[in-house]
Amino acid sequence: MNKDMNILELACGSGQLSFSLSRYTKSWIATDFSEQMIVEARKRGKYKNLTFEIADATSLSFADGKFDCVVIANALHIMPKPDEAMKEISRVLKSNGILFAPTFLWKEGKQRKIIKMIMSILGFKMYQEWNKKQFEEFIEEYGFSVVEMKLIYGGLAPVGVMIAKSVT
């Protein structure tokens, strides 16, 4: 990321990444489907180049090719229609744009059935369970080339830190 980049963040939650990273960019639009998450994010403060908006990742209002980078952290696996989100991400990214998509990969490493069961009871629904290869293939289906993919272990499940470039 650099000071010339226009960034779109999908599923920003309370803005943890937004506040940390937006100061290094030209503009950062942080969105979430949940109005309550946007309210919480706005309570945390304001930055000159950071905007919070309610938006559905599967139906974005932004122009084609508007963004240099799209960030979607730990959200694709909890979306009922991640394919629709990927179509929109591909549409709003510039050619050679960057996708940064760290995602829990529940099929990597040890199976975590008990953790998944507890999370399900608490209302956390996972619609997608990928391993590293499956996630890479999923991203590539939407016109992206994987630049880097690293697995980070610890916490609830391994996180696949994905950086990809739009090739369309």
C-alpha atoms as a PDB file:
ATOM      1  CA  MET A   1       0.000   0.000   0.000  1.00  0.00           C
ATOM      2  CA  ASN A   2       1.146   3.495  -0.711  1.00  0.00           C
ATOM      3  CA  LYS A   3      -0.004   7.124  -0.623  1.00  0.00           C
ATOM      4  CA  ASP A   4      -1.268   6.971  -4.218  1.00  0.00           C
ATOM      5  CA  MET A   5      -3.688   4.085  -3.665  1.00  0.00           C
ATOM      6  CA  ASN A   6      -7.458   4.168  -3.388  1.00  0.00           C
ATOM      7  CA  ILE A   7      -8.539   1.262  -1.177  1.00  0.00           C
ATOM      8  CA  LEU A   8     -11.896  -0.431  -0.661  1.00  0.00           C
ATOM      9  CA  GLU A   9     -12.293  -2.548   2.441  1.00  0.00           C
ATOM     10  CA  LEU A  10     -15.209  -4.978   2.595  1.00  0.00           C
ATOM     11  CA  ALA A  11     -16.501  -6.378   5.896  1.00  0.00           C
ATOM     12  CA  CYS A  12     -14.491  -3.877   7.942  1.00  0.00           C
ATOM     13  CA  GLY A  13     -16.242  -4.650  11.227  1.00  0.00           C
ATOM     14  CA  SER A  14     -15.254  -2.086  13.839  1.00  0.00           C
ATOM     15  CA  GLY A  15     -12.409  -0.774  11.696  1.00  0.00           C
ATOM     16  CA  GLN A  16      -9.363  -2.508  13.164  1.00  0.00           C
ATOM     17  CA  LEU A  17      -7.525  -2.654   9.822  1.00  0.00           C
ATOM     18  CA  SER A  18      -9.086   0.559   8.559  1.00  0.00           C
ATOM     19  CA  PHE A  19      -7.591   2.783  11.233  1.00  0.00           C
ATOM     20  CA  SER A  20      -4.223   1.029  11.202  1.00  0.00           C
ATOM     21  CA  LEU A  21      -3.661   1.073   7.438  1.00  0.00           C
ATOM     22  CA  SER A  22      -5.626   4.006   5.986  1.00  0.00           C
ATOM     23  CA  ARG A  23      -2.999   6.579   6.943  1.00  0.00           C
ATOM     24  CA  TYR A  24      -0.673   5.005   4.367  1.00  0.00           C
ATOM     25  CA  THR A  25      -3.076   5.469   1.433  1.00  0.00           C
ATOM     26  CA  LYS A  26      -4.664   8.222  -0.651  1.00  0.00           C
ATOM     27  CA  SER A  27      -8.193   7.147   0.294  1.00  0.00           C
ATOM     28  CA  TRP A  28      -9.751   4.272   2.204  1.00  0.00           C
ATOM     29  CA  ILE A  29     -13.442   3.434   2.028  1.00  0.00           C
ATOM     30  CA  ALA A  30     -14.299   0.901   4.727  1.00  0.00           C
ATOM     31  CA  THR A  31     -17.628  -0.875   4.323  1.00  0.00           C
ATOM     32  CA  ASP A  32     -19.671  -3.429   6.198  1.00  0.00           C
ATOM     33  CA  PHE A  33     -23.065  -5.028   5.646  1.00  0.00           C
ATOM     34  CA  SER A  34     -23.922  -4.387   9.308  1.00  0.00           C
ATOM     35  CA  GLU A  35     -25.092  -0.892  10.165  1.00  0.00           C
ATOM     36  CA  GLN A  36     -24.118  -1.556  13.805  1.00  0.00           C
ATOM     37  CA  MET A  37     -20.505  -2.342  12.820  1.00  0.00           C
ATOM     38  CA  ILE A  38     -20.294   0.953  10.915  1.00  0.00           C
ATOM     39  CA  VAL A  39     -21.714   2.821  13.923  1.00  0.00           C
ATOM     40  CA  GLU A  40     -19.052   1.193  16.135  1.00  0.00           C
ATOM     41  CA  ALA A  41     -16.268   1.997  13.676  1.00  0.00           C
ATOM     42  CA  ARG A  42     -17.298   5.656  13.458  1.00  0.00           C
ATOM     43  CA  LYS A  43     -17.190   5.904  17.276  1.00  0.00           C
ATOM     44  CA  ARG A  44     -13.469   5.072  17.182  1.00  0.00           C
ATOM     45  CA  GLY A  45     -12.527   8.347  15.530  1.00  0.00           C
ATOM     46  CA  LYS A  46     -11.922  10.033  12.185  1.00  0.00           C
ATOM     47  CA  TYR A  47      -9.082  10.220   9.702  1.00  0.00           C
ATOM     48  CA  LYS A  48      -9.019  12.661   6.814  1.00  0.00           C
ATOM     49  CA  ASN A  49      -8.841   9.981   4.096  1.00  0.00           C
ATOM     50  CA  LEU A  50     -10.990   7.305   5.845  1.00  0.00           C
ATOM     51  CA  THR A  51     -14.716   6.921   5.182  1.00  0.00           C
ATOM     52  CA  PHE A  52     -17.089   4.325   6.644  1.00  0.00           C
ATOM     53  CA  GLU A  53     -20.142   3.199   4.651  1.00  0.00           C
ATOM     54  CA  ILE A  54     -22.803   0.516   4.849  1.00  0.00           C
ATOM     55  CA  ALA A  55     -22.487  -1.722   1.788  1.00  0.00           C
ATOM     56  CA  ASP A  56     -23.299  -5.220   0.605  1.00  0.00           C
ATOM     57  CA  ALA A  57     -20.145  -6.858  -0.805  1.00  0.00           C
ATOM     58  CA  THR A  58     -22.297  -8.777  -3.287  1.00  0.00           C
ATOM     59  CA  SER A  59     -23.862  -5.627  -4.770  1.00  0.00           C
ATOM     60  CA  LEU A  60     -21.506  -2.646  -4.661  1.00  0.00           C
ATOM     61  CA  SER A  61     -22.472   0.831  -5.876  1.00  0.00           C
ATOM     62  CA  PHE A  62     -18.926   1.796  -6.911  1.00  0.00           C
ATOM     63  CA  ALA A  63     -17.846   2.341 -10.521  1.00  0.00           C
ATOM     64  CA  ASP A  64     -15.983  -0.312 -12.477  1.00  0.00           C
ATOM     65  CA  GLY A  65     -12.212  -0.143 -12.017  1.00  0.00           C
ATOM     66  CA  LYS A  66     -12.375   2.473  -9.252  1.00  0.00           C
ATOM     67  CA  PHE A  67      -9.962   0.931  -6.721  1.00  0.00           C
ATOM     68  CA  ASP A  68      -6.273   0.071  -6.706  1.00  0.00           C
ATOM     69  CA  CYS A  69      -6.768  -2.476  -3.914  1.00  0.00           C
ATOM     70  CA  VAL A  70      -9.617  -4.353  -2.218  1.00  0.00           C
ATOM     71  CA  VAL A  71      -9.174  -5.674   1.313  1.00  0.00           C
ATOM     72  CA  ILE A  72     -11.525  -8.348   2.645  1.00  0.00           C
ATOM     73  CA  ALA A  73     -10.203  -9.856   5.861  1.00  0.00           C
ATOM     74  CA  ASN A  74     -11.658 -13.005   7.397  1.00  0.00           C
ATOM     75  CA  ALA A  75     -15.033 -12.599   5.742  1.00  0.00           C
ATOM     76  CA  LEU A  76     -15.292 -14.675   2.558  1.00  0.00           C
ATOM     77  CA  HIS A  77     -15.845 -17.897   4.524  1.00  0.00           C
ATOM     78  CA  ILE A  78     -18.821 -16.436   6.428  1.00  0.00           C
ATOM     79  CA  MET A  79     -20.576 -15.051   3.345  1.00  0.00           C
ATOM     80  CA  PRO A  80     -23.500 -17.071   1.986  1.00  0.00           C
ATOM     81  CA  LYS A  81     -22.490 -16.027  -1.573  1.00  0.00           C
ATOM     82  CA  PRO A  82     -18.731 -15.450  -1.697  1.00  0.00           C
ATOM     83  CA  ASP A  83     -18.843 -15.950  -5.466  1.00  0.00           C
ATOM     84  CA  GLU A  84     -21.047 -12.866  -5.811  1.00  0.00           C
ATOM     85  CA  ALA A  85     -18.635 -10.869  -3.650  1.00  0.00           C
ATOM     86  CA  MET A  86     -15.714 -11.997  -5.824  1.00  0.00           C
ATOM     87  CA  LYS A  87     -17.524 -10.874  -8.995  1.00  0.00           C
ATOM     88  CA  GLU A  88     -18.009  -7.438  -7.446  1.00  0.00           C
ATOM     89  CA  ILE A  89     -14.411  -7.280  -6.201  1.00  0.00           C
ATOM     90  CA  SER A  90     -13.185  -8.110  -9.689  1.00  0.00           C
ATOM     91  CA  ARG A  91     -15.477  -5.464 -11.184  1.00  0.00           C
ATOM     92  CA  VAL A  92     -14.465  -2.568  -8.914  1.00  0.00           C
ATOM     93  CA  LEU A  93     -10.721  -3.301  -9.040  1.00  0.00           C
ATOM     94  CA  LYS A  94      -8.510  -1.677 -11.635  1.00  0.00           C
ATOM     95  CA  SER A  95      -6.643  -3.924 -14.045  1.00  0.00           C
ATOM     96  CA  ASN A  96      -3.612  -5.236 -12.137  1.00  0.00           C
ATOM     97  CA  GLY A  97      -5.321  -4.209  -8.915  1.00  0.00           C
ATOM     98  CA  ILE A  98      -4.440  -5.953  -5.677  1.00  0.00           C
ATOM     99  CA  LEU A  99      -6.704  -8.200  -3.622  1.00  0.00           C
ATOM    100  CA  PHE A 100      -5.674  -8.704  -0.005  1.00  0.00           C
ATOM    101  CA  ALA A 101      -7.836 -11.488   1.428  1.00  0.00           C
ATOM    102  CA  PRO A 102      -6.699 -13.174   4.639  1.00  0.00           C
ATOM    103  CA  THR A 103      -9.217 -15.925   5.364  1.00  0.00           C
ATOM    104  CA  PHE A 104      -9.680 -18.678   7.928  1.00  0.00           C
ATOM    105  CA  LEU A 105      -8.904 -22.004   6.281  1.00  0.00           C
ATOM    106  CA  TRP A 106     -10.837 -24.527   8.352  1.00  0.00           C
ATOM    107  CA  LYS A 107      -9.657 -27.535   6.347  1.00  0.00           C
ATOM    108  CA  GLU A 108      -5.934 -26.829   6.968  1.00  0.00           C
ATOM    109  CA  GLY A 109      -4.074 -28.433   9.823  1.00  0.00           C
ATOM    110  CA  LYS A 110      -5.921 -30.183  12.624  1.00  0.00           C
ATOM    111  CA  GLN A 111      -9.655 -30.402  12.358  1.00  0.00           C
ATOM    112  CA  ARG A 112     -11.172 -28.098  14.929  1.00  0.00           C
ATOM    113  CA  LYS A 113     -14.596 -29.664  15.260  1.00  0.00           C
ATOM    114  CA  ILE A 114     -15.171 -28.585  18.868  1.00  0.00           C
ATOM    115  CA  ILE A 115     -14.261 -24.940  18.156  1.00  0.00           C
ATOM    116  CA  LYS A 116     -16.468 -24.940  15.050  1.00  0.00           C
ATOM    117  CA  MET A 117     -19.347 -26.485  17.013  1.00  0.00           C
ATOM    118  CA  ILE A 118     -19.061 -23.872  19.804  1.00  0.00           C
ATOM    119  CA  MET A 119     -18.876 -21.056  17.252  1.00  0.00           C
ATOM    120  CA  SER A 120     -21.965 -22.428  15.506  1.00  0.00           C
ATOM    121  CA  ILE A 121     -23.868 -22.522  18.807  1.00  0.00           C
ATOM    122  CA  LEU A 122     -22.864 -18.879  19.389  1.00  0.00           C
ATOM    123  CA  GLY A 123     -24.347 -17.940  16.016  1.00  0.00           C
ATOM    124  CA  PHE A 124     -21.151 -17.763  13.953  1.00  0.00           C
ATOM    125  CA  LYS A 125     -21.982 -19.490  10.666  1.00  0.00           C
ATOM    126  CA  MET A 126     -19.323 -20.605   8.215  1.00  0.00           C
ATOM    127  CA  TYR A 127     -20.623 -21.089   4.712  1.00  0.00           C
ATOM    128  CA  GLN A 128     -17.275 -22.013   3.168  1.00  0.00           C
ATOM    129  CA  GLU A 129     -14.530 -24.275   4.421  1.00  0.00           C
ATOM    130  CA  TRP A 130     -11.416 -24.203   2.248  1.00  0.00           C
ATOM    131  CA  ASN A 131      -7.906 -25.518   2.440  1.00  0.00           C
ATOM    132  CA  LYS A 132      -5.021 -23.525   0.939  1.00  0.00           C
ATOM    133  CA  LYS A 133      -5.283 -25.056  -2.539  1.00  0.00           C
ATOM    134  CA  GLN A 134      -9.082 -24.747  -2.673  1.00  0.00           C
ATOM    135  CA  PHE A 135      -8.941 -21.098  -1.624  1.00  0.00           C
ATOM    136  CA  GLU A 136      -6.289 -20.303  -4.250  1.00  0.00           C
ATOM    137  CA  GLU A 137      -8.421 -22.003  -6.930  1.00  0.00           C
ATOM    138  CA  PHE A 138     -11.505 -20.095  -5.774  1.00  0.00           C
ATOM    139  CA  ILE A 139      -9.699 -16.746  -6.086  1.00  0.00           C
ATOM    140  CA  GLU A 140      -8.238 -17.649  -9.490  1.00  0.00           C
ATOM    141  CA  GLU A 141     -11.733 -18.464 -10.846  1.00  0.00           C
ATOM    142  CA  TYR A 142     -12.496 -14.736 -10.708  1.00  0.00           C
ATOM    143  CA  GLY A 143      -9.612 -13.455 -12.807  1.00  0.00           C
ATOM    144  CA  PHE A 144      -6.893 -13.230 -10.178  1.00  0.00           C
ATOM    145  CA  SER A 145      -3.345 -14.482 -10.076  1.00  0.00           C
ATOM    146  CA  VAL A 146      -2.081 -15.434  -6.625  1.00  0.00           C
ATOM    147  CA  VAL A 147       1.059 -13.425  -5.835  1.00  0.00           C
ATOM    148  CA  GLU A 148       1.559 -14.760  -2.321  1.00  0.00           C
ATOM    149  CA  MET A 149      -0.218 -17.189  -0.009  1.00  0.00           C
ATOM    150  CA  LYS A 150       1.058 -17.928   3.484  1.00  0.00           C
ATOM    151  CA  LEU A 151      -0.499 -19.952   6.242  1.00  0.00           C
ATOM    152  CA  ILE A 152      -0.376 -18.517   9.741  1.00  0.00           C
ATOM    153  CA  TYR A 153      -1.154 -20.915  12.543  1.00  0.00           C
ATOM    154  CA  GLY A 154      -2.515 -20.054  15.969  1.00  0.00           C
ATOM    155  CA  GLY A 155      -5.891 -18.890  17.133  1.00  0.00           C
ATOM    156  CA  LEU A 156      -9.125 -20.505  16.020  1.00  0.00           C
ATOM    157  CA  ALA A 157      -7.934 -21.867  12.689  1.00  0.00           C
ATOM    158  CA  PRO A 158      -5.046 -21.315  10.303  1.00  0.00           C
ATOM    159  CA  VAL A 159      -5.334 -18.070   8.355  1.00  0.00           C
ATOM    160  CA  GLY A 160      -4.412 -18.093   4.694  1.00  0.00           C
ATOM    161  CA  VAL A 161      -2.940 -14.659   4.005  1.00  0.00           C
ATOM    162  CA  MET A 162      -3.676 -14.138   0.324  1.00  0.00           C
ATOM    163  CA  ILE A 163      -2.348 -11.429  -1.939  1.00  0.00           C
ATOM    164  CA  ALA A 164      -3.537 -11.658  -5.529  1.00  0.00           C
ATOM    165  CA  LYS A 165      -3.515  -9.442  -8.628  1.00  0.00           C
ATOM    166  CA  SER A 166      -6.373  -8.859 -10.998  1.00  0.00           C
ATOM    167  CA  VAL A 167      -5.406 -10.107 -14.447  1.00  0.00           C
ATOM    168  CA  THR A 168      -8.575  -8.986 -16.200  1.00  0.00           C
END
